Every structure is written in structure tokens, then in C-alpha cells.
Amino acid sequence: MTTTIALAGKGGVGKTTIAGMVVKYLVGLGKGAVLAIDADPSSNLNMVLGLELEWTVGDIREDLLAQVQSSLTAGGAAMGTLPGGVSKRDYLDYQIRSSLAEGDHFDLIAMGRSEGPGCYCAVNHNLREVIDAISKNYRYIVIDNEAGMEHLSRRTTRDVQHLLIVSDPTLRGIVAAERIASFRNELDIHIENAYLILNRVHGDAPPQALMDRIKQMDIPLLGIIPASDELAELEFSGAPLIDLADSSPLYQSVKRMMEKIL
């Protein structure tokens, strides 16, 4: 059985870093391979995981549409096959599998840029089927989403067991997290559990007023992650954040949260 964990949060709250720590924890469990899906065009999950990216799903989609347009211009049967008789589904399957960035017991698919001005409905349907088929080969899926999650159901038809909504320790951040949480009931996929994670907390605990506001939300607080000078040093040096020591307070916080829900 595959367990899917999705992360969301407004820009700049550190959800991509936390996604990397979740991958690190799952790999350390040794219970099966992990697939990370970077579904946020503006994030750099590959850098967090220490992987090089040569080809994203967005690149593959645009290349396919360019071939379709070329075939149409030439009077070919573009809707069914590509030049040489290759079906669009088979083309996408081969290209996406080839685009996988491989790590140590984990792989990464990057969705890349969003759609351009062309017609993408049929292509996106095929992409979703291909990615879901690939996902079945993994014990865990970790999806780093765009802020509002509006496109999550366009990436996968899989149920999501655990949605982690990340916020910074500010009232504006909490309000944004609450708004994001409300989107989960509007998606075409089922989300079993949703939690709040408070990131970059200075001191022993957030202000009481903030904690009182969190208690009013309809999702529970899963955990608090302290601000990390060590993380800032790694980011400055360009080293992959997945290399953060197991003893790091940041990693230990994520580990405790994962132990609660898995």
C-alpha cells in the first residue's frame, strides 16, 4: 500500500524544506522507496534533496504539444499518435520515467512550469494517469504543492492520507493556512487527515495569543519546528538540506511529527 503525504502553505513558510525532511525520515525508515513530487513551479525541492534536474514534466508537456501542433500543420493524425506511430500516452510514459531524478532510495519528479496558452486538457489527463501508474511502485509519495492546492487533483487521482499545512508563527500566516485548509473539501481527491505545522518558531513556544487562534482552527496542530541557524548556514553554502544531521532540532521535530501520524 502506498501512503501519500502532501504539503501546502503560502510562499516562504519553509514547506519545501519540511518536505525534504519528510523524505529524509521516510528513507530512514527503510520500509520502501520514496517518490517526491515537486508540484510547485517556484520551489526547488531538487536542491533540498541534492539532485540535478534536466527535464521537468512541464518541459515534456510543452514538447509533446509542439509535436502535436507540428503534426496538425502537416496534416497528420495528431490526436491519436505522434510521428512514427507512437501514442501520446506511451510517449509521456517513457519521457516521464526518463526524467526521474534518482537519489538514495528515493526519486524525484518535478512538475516544472505551469501550462502555457495551448489546449492541455487531454495532455494533463494522460500525465495524471502516467504519474499515478508510476506512483504505485513506491511505498511513500511526498508531494510539495503550490500554495493553494488548487492544482493538486490535476497532479494525481490518489487519495492523500496526510495533508501537512505549513505556516510561519504569525497571525497572517495562520489565517492563510486556515484558508488553504478550507480548500481541501473542494478537491476531486479524498484527503483523510489534515494538520497544521508551525515553522521557524523562536524561543520555547509561540505567543499565547497565536496558540489561542490556532485552537479555533478546524485542523489540529501537529507540531512546532524551531528556527534553525544550522539550516541557514546550509542554505548559504548551497549544500543539500537533506544532509542536515539527524540530531538537528529541525529534523528531530519533523521526525516526531511523522512518528505521530504514520
C-alpha atoms as a PDB file:
ATOM      1  CA  MET A   1       0.000   0.000   0.000  1.00  0.00           C
ATOM      2  CA  THR A   2       1.235   3.473  -0.908  1.00  0.00           C
ATOM      3  CA  THR A   3       0.946   6.284   1.641  1.00  0.00           C
ATOM      4  CA  THR A   4       0.664   9.797   0.183  1.00  0.00           C
ATOM      5  CA  ILE A   5       1.749  12.849   2.169  1.00  0.00           C
ATOM      6  CA  ALA A   6       1.095  16.298   0.692  1.00  0.00           C
ATOM      7  CA  LEU A   7       2.452  19.625   1.908  1.00  0.00           C
ATOM      8  CA  ALA A   8       0.958  23.052   1.333  1.00  0.00           C
ATOM      9  CA  GLY A   9       1.464  26.571   2.604  1.00  0.00           C
ATOM     10  CA  LYS A  10       1.860  30.115   1.378  1.00  0.00           C
ATOM     11  CA  GLY A  11       5.150  31.053  -0.208  1.00  0.00           C
ATOM     12  CA  GLY A  12       8.166  31.443   2.024  1.00  0.00           C
ATOM     13  CA  VAL A  13       6.980  29.449   5.051  1.00  0.00           C
ATOM     14  CA  GLY A  14       9.513  26.642   4.549  1.00  0.00           C
ATOM     15  CA  LYS A  15       7.273  23.847   3.273  1.00  0.00           C
ATOM     16  CA  THR A  16       9.859  22.695   0.727  1.00  0.00           C
ATOM     17  CA  THR A  17      12.457  22.321   3.480  1.00  0.00           C
ATOM     18  CA  ILE A  18       9.968  20.340   5.558  1.00  0.00           C
ATOM     19  CA  ALA A  19       9.121  18.196   2.516  1.00  0.00           C
ATOM     20  CA  GLY A  20      12.821  17.370   2.271  1.00  0.00           C
ATOM     21  CA  MET A  21      12.928  16.417   5.956  1.00  0.00           C
ATOM     22  CA  VAL A  22       9.869  14.185   5.477  1.00  0.00           C
ATOM     23  CA  VAL A  23      11.652  12.422   2.603  1.00  0.00           C
ATOM     24  CA  LYS A  24      14.746  12.051   4.784  1.00  0.00           C
ATOM     25  CA  TYR A  25      12.671  10.462   7.562  1.00  0.00           C
ATOM     26  CA  LEU A  26      10.825   8.078   5.238  1.00  0.00           C
ATOM     27  CA  VAL A  27      14.047   6.925   3.604  1.00  0.00           C
ATOM     28  CA  GLY A  28      15.484   6.303   7.064  1.00  0.00           C
ATOM     29  CA  LEU A  29      12.568   4.032   7.932  1.00  0.00           C
ATOM     30  CA  GLY A  30      13.804   1.565   5.332  1.00  0.00           C
ATOM     31  CA  LYS A  31      10.273   0.349   4.561  1.00  0.00           C
ATOM     32  CA  GLY A  32      10.351   1.012   0.834  1.00  0.00           C
ATOM     33  CA  ALA A  33      11.201   3.503  -1.876  1.00  0.00           C
ATOM     34  CA  VAL A  34      10.018   7.110  -1.708  1.00  0.00           C
ATOM     35  CA  LEU A  35       8.809   9.259  -4.608  1.00  0.00           C
ATOM     36  CA  ALA A  36       8.994  13.029  -4.146  1.00  0.00           C
ATOM     37  CA  ILE A  37       6.828  15.127  -6.471  1.00  0.00           C
ATOM     38  CA  ASP A  38       7.702  18.800  -6.738  1.00  0.00           C
ATOM     39  CA  ALA A  39       4.353  20.270  -7.811  1.00  0.00           C
ATOM     40  CA  ASP A  40       5.299  23.884  -7.105  1.00  0.00           C
ATOM     41  CA  PRO A  41       6.884  25.600 -10.141  1.00  0.00           C
ATOM     42  CA  SER A  42       8.554  28.151  -7.853  1.00  0.00           C
ATOM     43  CA  SER A  43      10.115  25.677  -5.409  1.00  0.00           C
ATOM     44  CA  ASN A  44      13.485  23.940  -5.510  1.00  0.00           C
ATOM     45  CA  LEU A  45      12.875  20.562  -3.922  1.00  0.00           C
ATOM     46  CA  ASN A  46      15.645  19.078  -6.062  1.00  0.00           C
ATOM     47  CA  MET A  47      18.183  21.401  -4.400  1.00  0.00           C
ATOM     48  CA  VAL A  48      16.912  20.450  -0.944  1.00  0.00           C
ATOM     49  CA  LEU A  49      17.333  16.780  -1.891  1.00  0.00           C
ATOM     50  CA  GLY A  50      20.701  17.267  -3.611  1.00  0.00           C
ATOM     51  CA  LEU A  51      19.528  16.175  -7.068  1.00  0.00           C
ATOM     52  CA  GLU A  52      20.155  17.593 -10.536  1.00  0.00           C
ATOM     53  CA  LEU A  53      17.158  18.242 -12.784  1.00  0.00           C
ATOM     54  CA  GLU A  54      17.485  18.051 -16.539  1.00  0.00           C
ATOM     55  CA  TRP A  55      13.869  17.622 -17.611  1.00  0.00           C
ATOM     56  CA  THR A  56      10.577  18.503 -15.922  1.00  0.00           C
ATOM     57  CA  VAL A  57       7.034  17.369 -16.637  1.00  0.00           C
ATOM     58  CA  GLY A  58       6.317  20.900 -17.879  1.00  0.00           C
ATOM     59  CA  ASP A  59       9.113  20.554 -20.433  1.00  0.00           C
ATOM     60  CA  ILE A  60       7.737  17.178 -21.544  1.00  0.00           C
ATOM     61  CA  ARG A  61       4.215  18.581 -21.865  1.00  0.00           C
ATOM     62  CA  GLU A  62       5.361  21.529 -23.967  1.00  0.00           C
ATOM     63  CA  ASP A  63       7.485  19.274 -26.182  1.00  0.00           C
ATOM     64  CA  LEU A  64       4.510  16.977 -26.758  1.00  0.00           C
ATOM     65  CA  LEU A  65       2.222  19.868 -27.661  1.00  0.00           C
ATOM     66  CA  ALA A  66       4.838  21.210 -30.052  1.00  0.00           C
ATOM     67  CA  GLN A  67       4.910  17.811 -31.785  1.00  0.00           C
ATOM     68  CA  VAL A  68       1.103  17.716 -31.890  1.00  0.00           C
ATOM     69  CA  GLN A  69       0.983  21.185 -33.429  1.00  0.00           C
ATOM     70  CA  SER A  70       3.626  20.214 -35.966  1.00  0.00           C
ATOM     71  CA  SER A  71       1.661  17.117 -36.908  1.00  0.00           C
ATOM     72  CA  LEU A  72      -1.525  19.146 -37.279  1.00  0.00           C
ATOM     73  CA  THR A  73       0.231  21.617 -39.531  1.00  0.00           C
ATOM     74  CA  ALA A  74       1.488  18.716 -41.646  1.00  0.00           C
ATOM     75  CA  GLY A  75      -2.000  17.181 -41.812  1.00  0.00           C
ATOM     76  CA  GLY A  76      -1.159  14.211 -39.568  1.00  0.00           C
ATOM     77  CA  ALA A  77      -3.393  12.301 -37.158  1.00  0.00           C
ATOM     78  CA  ALA A  78      -2.193  14.335 -34.210  1.00  0.00           C
ATOM     79  CA  MET A  79      -4.981  13.494 -31.797  1.00  0.00           C
ATOM     80  CA  GLY A  80      -4.134   9.806 -31.611  1.00  0.00           C
ATOM     81  CA  THR A  81      -0.471   9.321 -32.352  1.00  0.00           C
ATOM     82  CA  LEU A  82       2.788  11.160 -32.862  1.00  0.00           C
ATOM     83  CA  PRO A  83       5.103  10.842 -35.849  1.00  0.00           C
ATOM     84  CA  GLY A  84       6.308   7.235 -36.079  1.00  0.00           C
ATOM     85  CA  GLY A  85       3.050   5.835 -34.710  1.00  0.00           C
ATOM     86  CA  VAL A  86       3.870   6.381 -31.013  1.00  0.00           C
ATOM     87  CA  SER A  87       0.804   7.060 -28.868  1.00  0.00           C
ATOM     88  CA  LYS A  88       0.808  10.157 -26.726  1.00  0.00           C
ATOM     89  CA  ARG A  89       0.332   8.025 -23.618  1.00  0.00           C
ATOM     90  CA  ASP A  90       3.367   5.855 -24.444  1.00  0.00           C
ATOM     91  CA  TYR A  91       5.438   8.931 -25.251  1.00  0.00           C
ATOM     92  CA  LEU A  92       4.585  10.567 -21.932  1.00  0.00           C
ATOM     93  CA  ASP A  93       5.207   7.353 -20.012  1.00  0.00           C
ATOM     94  CA  TYR A  94       8.675   6.945 -21.492  1.00  0.00           C
ATOM     95  CA  GLN A  95       9.654  10.589 -21.111  1.00  0.00           C
ATOM     96  CA  ILE A  96       8.453  10.938 -17.508  1.00  0.00           C
ATOM     97  CA  ARG A  97      10.191   7.738 -16.420  1.00  0.00           C
ATOM     98  CA  SER A  98      13.345   9.026 -18.120  1.00  0.00           C
ATOM     99  CA  SER A  99      13.006  12.363 -16.309  1.00  0.00           C
ATOM    100  CA  LEU A 100      13.077  10.808 -12.823  1.00  0.00           C
ATOM    101  CA  ALA A 101      15.951  12.192 -10.765  1.00  0.00           C
ATOM    102  CA  GLU A 102      17.310   9.307  -8.727  1.00  0.00           C
ATOM    103  CA  GLY A 103      18.549   9.602  -5.159  1.00  0.00           C
ATOM    104  CA  ASP A 104      19.476   7.060  -2.487  1.00  0.00           C
ATOM    105  CA  HIS A 105      16.227   5.082  -2.025  1.00  0.00           C
ATOM    106  CA  PHE A 106      14.152   7.973  -3.326  1.00  0.00           C
ATOM    107  CA  ASP A 107      13.307   9.525  -6.690  1.00  0.00           C
ATOM    108  CA  LEU A 108      12.014  12.935  -7.722  1.00  0.00           C
ATOM    109  CA  ILE A 109       9.556  14.103 -10.363  1.00  0.00           C
ATOM    110  CA  ALA A 110       9.442  17.873 -10.894  1.00  0.00           C
ATOM    111  CA  MET A 111       6.259  19.251 -12.450  1.00  0.00           C
ATOM    112  CA  GLY A 112       8.031  22.423 -13.590  1.00  0.00           C
ATOM    113  CA  ARG A 113       6.371  25.328 -15.326  1.00  0.00           C
ATOM    114  CA  SER A 114       2.621  25.705 -15.484  1.00  0.00           C
ATOM    115  CA  GLU A 115       0.579  25.485 -18.665  1.00  0.00           C
ATOM    116  CA  GLY A 116       1.035  27.939 -21.499  1.00  0.00           C
ATOM    117  CA  PRO A 117      -1.657  29.227 -23.884  1.00  0.00           C
ATOM    118  CA  GLY A 118      -2.322  25.871 -25.613  1.00  0.00           C
ATOM    119  CA  CYS A 119      -5.005  23.226 -25.010  1.00  0.00           C
ATOM    120  CA  TYR A 120      -3.869  20.961 -22.164  1.00  0.00           C
ATOM    121  CA  CYS A 121      -6.926  19.010 -21.031  1.00  0.00           C
ATOM    122  CA  ALA A 122      -6.153  15.730 -22.822  1.00  0.00           C
ATOM    123  CA  VAL A 123      -2.430  16.014 -22.127  1.00  0.00           C
ATOM    124  CA  ASN A 124      -2.970  16.677 -18.416  1.00  0.00           C
ATOM    125  CA  HIS A 125      -5.312  13.698 -18.203  1.00  0.00           C
ATOM    126  CA  ASN A 126      -2.629  11.460 -19.692  1.00  0.00           C
ATOM    127  CA  LEU A 127       0.035  12.981 -17.449  1.00  0.00           C
ATOM    128  CA  ARG A 128      -2.026  12.274 -14.355  1.00  0.00           C
ATOM    129  CA  GLU A 129      -2.569   8.655 -15.397  1.00  0.00           C
ATOM    130  CA  VAL A 130       1.144   8.151 -16.070  1.00  0.00           C
ATOM    131  CA  ILE A 131       2.239   9.693 -12.756  1.00  0.00           C
ATOM    132  CA  ASP A 132      -0.352   7.646 -10.849  1.00  0.00           C
ATOM    133  CA  ALA A 133       0.891   4.477 -12.570  1.00  0.00           C
ATOM    134  CA  ILE A 134       4.492   5.289 -11.637  1.00  0.00           C
ATOM    135  CA  SER A 135       3.455   6.095  -8.051  1.00  0.00           C
ATOM    136  CA  LYS A 136       2.187   2.554  -7.482  1.00  0.00           C
ATOM    137  CA  ASN A 137       5.795   1.352  -7.418  1.00  0.00           C
ATOM    138  CA  TYR A 138       6.603   3.387  -4.280  1.00  0.00           C
ATOM    139  CA  ARG A 139       5.817   2.856  -0.604  1.00  0.00           C
ATOM    140  CA  TYR A 140       5.550   6.589   0.071  1.00  0.00           C
ATOM    141  CA  ILE A 141       4.680   9.621  -2.050  1.00  0.00           C
ATOM    142  CA  VAL A 142       5.583  13.129  -0.826  1.00  0.00           C
ATOM    143  CA  ILE A 143       4.021  15.997  -2.796  1.00  0.00           C
ATOM    144  CA  ASP A 144       5.263  19.574  -2.355  1.00  0.00           C
ATOM    145  CA  ASN A 145       2.342  21.683  -3.613  1.00  0.00           C
ATOM    146  CA  GLU A 146       1.602  25.128  -4.857  1.00  0.00           C
ATOM    147  CA  ALA A 147       0.326  27.390  -2.093  1.00  0.00           C
ATOM    148  CA  GLY A 148      -3.397  26.974  -2.554  1.00  0.00           C
ATOM    149  CA  MET A 149      -3.584  23.311  -3.601  1.00  0.00           C
ATOM    150  CA  GLU A 150      -5.973  24.197  -6.451  1.00  0.00           C
ATOM    151  CA  HIS A 151      -3.994  22.017  -8.839  1.00  0.00           C
ATOM    152  CA  LEU A 152      -3.438  19.009  -6.571  1.00  0.00           C
ATOM    153  CA  SER A 153      -6.232  16.957  -8.135  1.00  0.00           C
ATOM    154  CA  ARG A 154      -4.759  17.709 -11.559  1.00  0.00           C
ATOM    155  CA  ARG A 155      -1.494  16.066 -10.466  1.00  0.00           C
ATOM    156  CA  THR A 156      -2.930  12.858  -9.044  1.00  0.00           C
ATOM    157  CA  THR A 157      -6.138  10.887  -8.560  1.00  0.00           C
ATOM    158  CA  ARG A 158      -4.661   9.221  -5.486  1.00  0.00           C
ATOM    159  CA  ASP A 159      -6.186   9.715  -2.072  1.00  0.00           C
ATOM    160  CA  VAL A 160      -3.987  11.747   0.256  1.00  0.00           C
ATOM    161  CA  GLN A 161      -3.579  10.177   3.668  1.00  0.00           C
ATOM    162  CA  HIS A 162      -1.916  13.165   5.332  1.00  0.00           C
ATOM    163  CA  LEU A 163      -2.039  16.842   4.344  1.00  0.00           C
ATOM    164  CA  LEU A 164       0.522  18.986   6.183  1.00  0.00           C
ATOM    165  CA  ILE A 165      -0.226  22.724   6.037  1.00  0.00           C
ATOM    166  CA  VAL A 166       2.812  24.778   6.992  1.00  0.00           C
ATOM    167  CA  SER A 167       2.668  28.266   8.498  1.00  0.00           C
ATOM    168  CA  ASP A 168       5.116  30.716   9.988  1.00  0.00           C
ATOM    169  CA  PRO A 169       4.373  31.889  13.576  1.00  0.00           C
ATOM    170  CA  THR A 170       2.367  34.967  12.580  1.00  0.00           C
ATOM    171  CA  LEU A 171      -1.336  35.747  12.606  1.00  0.00           C
ATOM    172  CA  ARG A 172      -1.279  36.415   8.864  1.00  0.00           C
ATOM    173  CA  GLY A 173       0.365  33.046   8.326  1.00  0.00           C
ATOM    174  CA  ILE A 174      -2.263  31.261  10.422  1.00  0.00           C
ATOM    175  CA  VAL A 175      -5.094  32.961   8.536  1.00  0.00           C
ATOM    176  CA  ALA A 176      -3.522  31.909   5.221  1.00  0.00           C
ATOM    177  CA  ALA A 177      -3.118  28.340   6.492  1.00  0.00           C
ATOM    178  CA  GLU A 178      -6.761  28.260   7.544  1.00  0.00           C
ATOM    179  CA  ARG A 179      -7.802  29.448   4.081  1.00  0.00           C
ATOM    180  CA  ILE A 180      -5.663  26.761   2.449  1.00  0.00           C
ATOM    181  CA  ALA A 181      -7.153  24.133   4.758  1.00  0.00           C
ATOM    182  CA  SER A 182     -10.644  25.086   3.612  1.00  0.00           C
ATOM    183  CA  PHE A 183      -9.713  24.215   0.008  1.00  0.00           C
ATOM    184  CA  ARG A 184      -9.315  20.544   0.878  1.00  0.00           C
ATOM    185  CA  ASN A 185     -13.072  19.997   0.795  1.00  0.00           C
ATOM    186  CA  GLU A 186     -13.295  21.325  -2.763  1.00  0.00           C
ATOM    187  CA  LEU A 187     -10.774  18.973  -4.384  1.00  0.00           C
ATOM    188  CA  ASP A 188     -11.639  15.942  -6.514  1.00  0.00           C
ATOM    189  CA  ILE A 189      -9.486  13.706  -4.312  1.00  0.00           C
ATOM    190  CA  HIS A 190     -10.089  12.467  -0.782  1.00  0.00           C
ATOM    191  CA  ILE A 191      -7.867  13.837   1.998  1.00  0.00           C
ATOM    192  CA  GLU A 192      -8.058  11.636   5.085  1.00  0.00           C
ATOM    193  CA  ASN A 193      -6.205  13.803   7.625  1.00  0.00           C
ATOM    194  CA  ALA A 194      -5.093  17.435   7.708  1.00  0.00           C
ATOM    195  CA  TYR A 195      -2.694  19.023  10.173  1.00  0.00           C
ATOM    196  CA  LEU A 196      -1.044  22.360  10.870  1.00  0.00           C
ATOM    197  CA  ILE A 197       2.731  22.686  11.287  1.00  0.00           C
ATOM    198  CA  LEU A 198       4.139  25.862  12.800  1.00  0.00           C
ATOM    199  CA  ASN A 199       7.605  26.541  11.401  1.00  0.00           C
ATOM    200  CA  ARG A 200      10.530  28.810  12.368  1.00  0.00           C
ATOM    201  CA  VAL A 201       9.437  29.398  15.936  1.00  0.00           C
ATOM    202  CA  HIS A 202      11.885  31.409  18.045  1.00  0.00           C
ATOM    203  CA  GLY A 203      12.066  30.696  21.744  1.00  0.00           C
ATOM    204  CA  ASP A 204      10.376  27.955  23.705  1.00  0.00           C
ATOM    205  CA  ALA A 205       6.862  28.481  22.348  1.00  0.00           C
ATOM    206  CA  PRO A 206       4.776  30.817  20.158  1.00  0.00           C
ATOM    207  CA  PRO A 207       2.884  33.702  21.806  1.00  0.00           C
ATOM    208  CA  GLN A 208      -0.212  32.583  23.716  1.00  0.00           C
ATOM    209  CA  ALA A 209      -2.457  34.770  21.549  1.00  0.00           C
ATOM    210  CA  LEU A 210      -1.277  32.857  18.487  1.00  0.00           C
ATOM    211  CA  MET A 211      -1.850  29.496  20.163  1.00  0.00           C
ATOM    212  CA  ASP A 212      -5.374  30.597  21.152  1.00  0.00           C
ATOM    213  CA  ARG A 213      -6.090  31.446  17.495  1.00  0.00           C
ATOM    214  CA  ILE A 214      -4.750  28.060  16.367  1.00  0.00           C
ATOM    215  CA  LYS A 215      -7.120  26.277  18.755  1.00  0.00           C
ATOM    216  CA  GLN A 216     -10.024  27.843  16.848  1.00  0.00           C
ATOM    217  CA  MET A 217      -8.988  26.189  13.581  1.00  0.00           C
ATOM    218  CA  ASP A 218     -10.656  23.026  12.310  1.00  0.00           C
ATOM    219  CA  ILE A 219      -7.328  21.233  11.891  1.00  0.00           C
ATOM    220  CA  PRO A 220      -5.091  20.172  14.794  1.00  0.00           C
ATOM    221  CA  LEU A 221      -1.590  21.484  15.424  1.00  0.00           C
ATOM    222  CA  LEU A 222       0.705  18.562  14.635  1.00  0.00           C
ATOM    223  CA  GLY A 223       3.922  20.141  15.858  1.00  0.00           C
ATOM    224  CA  ILE A 224       6.255  23.110  16.128  1.00  0.00           C
ATOM    225  CA  ILE A 225       9.598  23.438  14.360  1.00  0.00           C
ATOM    226  CA  PRO A 226      12.217  25.751  15.885  1.00  0.00           C
ATOM    227  CA  ALA A 227      14.103  28.361  13.915  1.00  0.00           C
ATOM    228  CA  SER A 228      17.446  26.901  12.829  1.00  0.00           C
ATOM    229  CA  ASP A 229      20.768  28.700  12.425  1.00  0.00           C
ATOM    230  CA  GLU A 230      22.245  25.444  11.114  1.00  0.00           C
ATOM    231  CA  LEU A 231      19.694  25.414   8.303  1.00  0.00           C
ATOM    232  CA  ALA A 232      20.593  28.973   7.346  1.00  0.00           C
ATOM    233  CA  GLU A 233      24.264  28.000   7.135  1.00  0.00           C
ATOM    234  CA  LEU A 234      23.479  25.054   4.861  1.00  0.00           C
ATOM    235  CA  GLU A 235      21.350  27.229   2.595  1.00  0.00           C
ATOM    236  CA  PHE A 236      24.122  29.811   2.388  1.00  0.00           C
ATOM    237  CA  SER A 237      26.703  27.173   1.446  1.00  0.00           C
ATOM    238  CA  GLY A 238      24.444  25.562  -1.156  1.00  0.00           C
ATOM    239  CA  ALA A 239      24.692  22.124   0.494  1.00  0.00           C
ATOM    240  CA  PRO A 240      21.573  19.927   0.176  1.00  0.00           C
ATOM    241  CA  LEU A 241      19.379  20.277   3.232  1.00  0.00           C
ATOM    242  CA  ILE A 242      18.757  16.538   3.308  1.00  0.00           C
ATOM    243  CA  ASP A 243      22.324  16.316   4.657  1.00  0.00           C
ATOM    244  CA  LEU A 244      21.188  18.016   7.862  1.00  0.00           C
ATOM    245  CA  ALA A 245      22.344  15.912  10.817  1.00  0.00           C
ATOM    246  CA  ASP A 246      19.853  13.501  12.370  1.00  0.00           C
ATOM    247  CA  SER A 247      20.493  15.240  15.694  1.00  0.00           C
ATOM    248  CA  SER A 248      19.342  18.604  14.308  1.00  0.00           C
ATOM    249  CA  PRO A 249      16.382  20.044  16.267  1.00  0.00           C
ATOM    250  CA  LEU A 250      14.655  20.775  12.947  1.00  0.00           C
ATOM    251  CA  TYR A 251      14.914  17.168  11.774  1.00  0.00           C
ATOM    252  CA  GLN A 252      14.019  15.785  15.197  1.00  0.00           C
ATOM    253  CA  SER A 253      10.855  17.921  15.192  1.00  0.00           C
ATOM    254  CA  VAL A 254       9.787  16.550  11.802  1.00  0.00           C
ATOM    255  CA  LYS A 255      10.655  13.011  12.919  1.00  0.00           C
ATOM    256  CA  ARG A 256       8.412  13.275  15.988  1.00  0.00           C
ATOM    257  CA  MET A 257       5.548  14.528  13.835  1.00  0.00           C
ATOM    258  CA  MET A 258       5.947  11.690  11.339  1.00  0.00           C
ATOM    259  CA  GLU A 259       6.011   9.155  14.169  1.00  0.00           C
ATOM    260  CA  LYS A 260       2.651  10.513  15.358  1.00  0.00           C
ATOM    261  CA  ILE A 261       0.831  10.078  12.065  1.00  0.00           C
ATOM    262  CA  LEU A 262       2.431   7.015  10.462  1.00  0.00           C
END
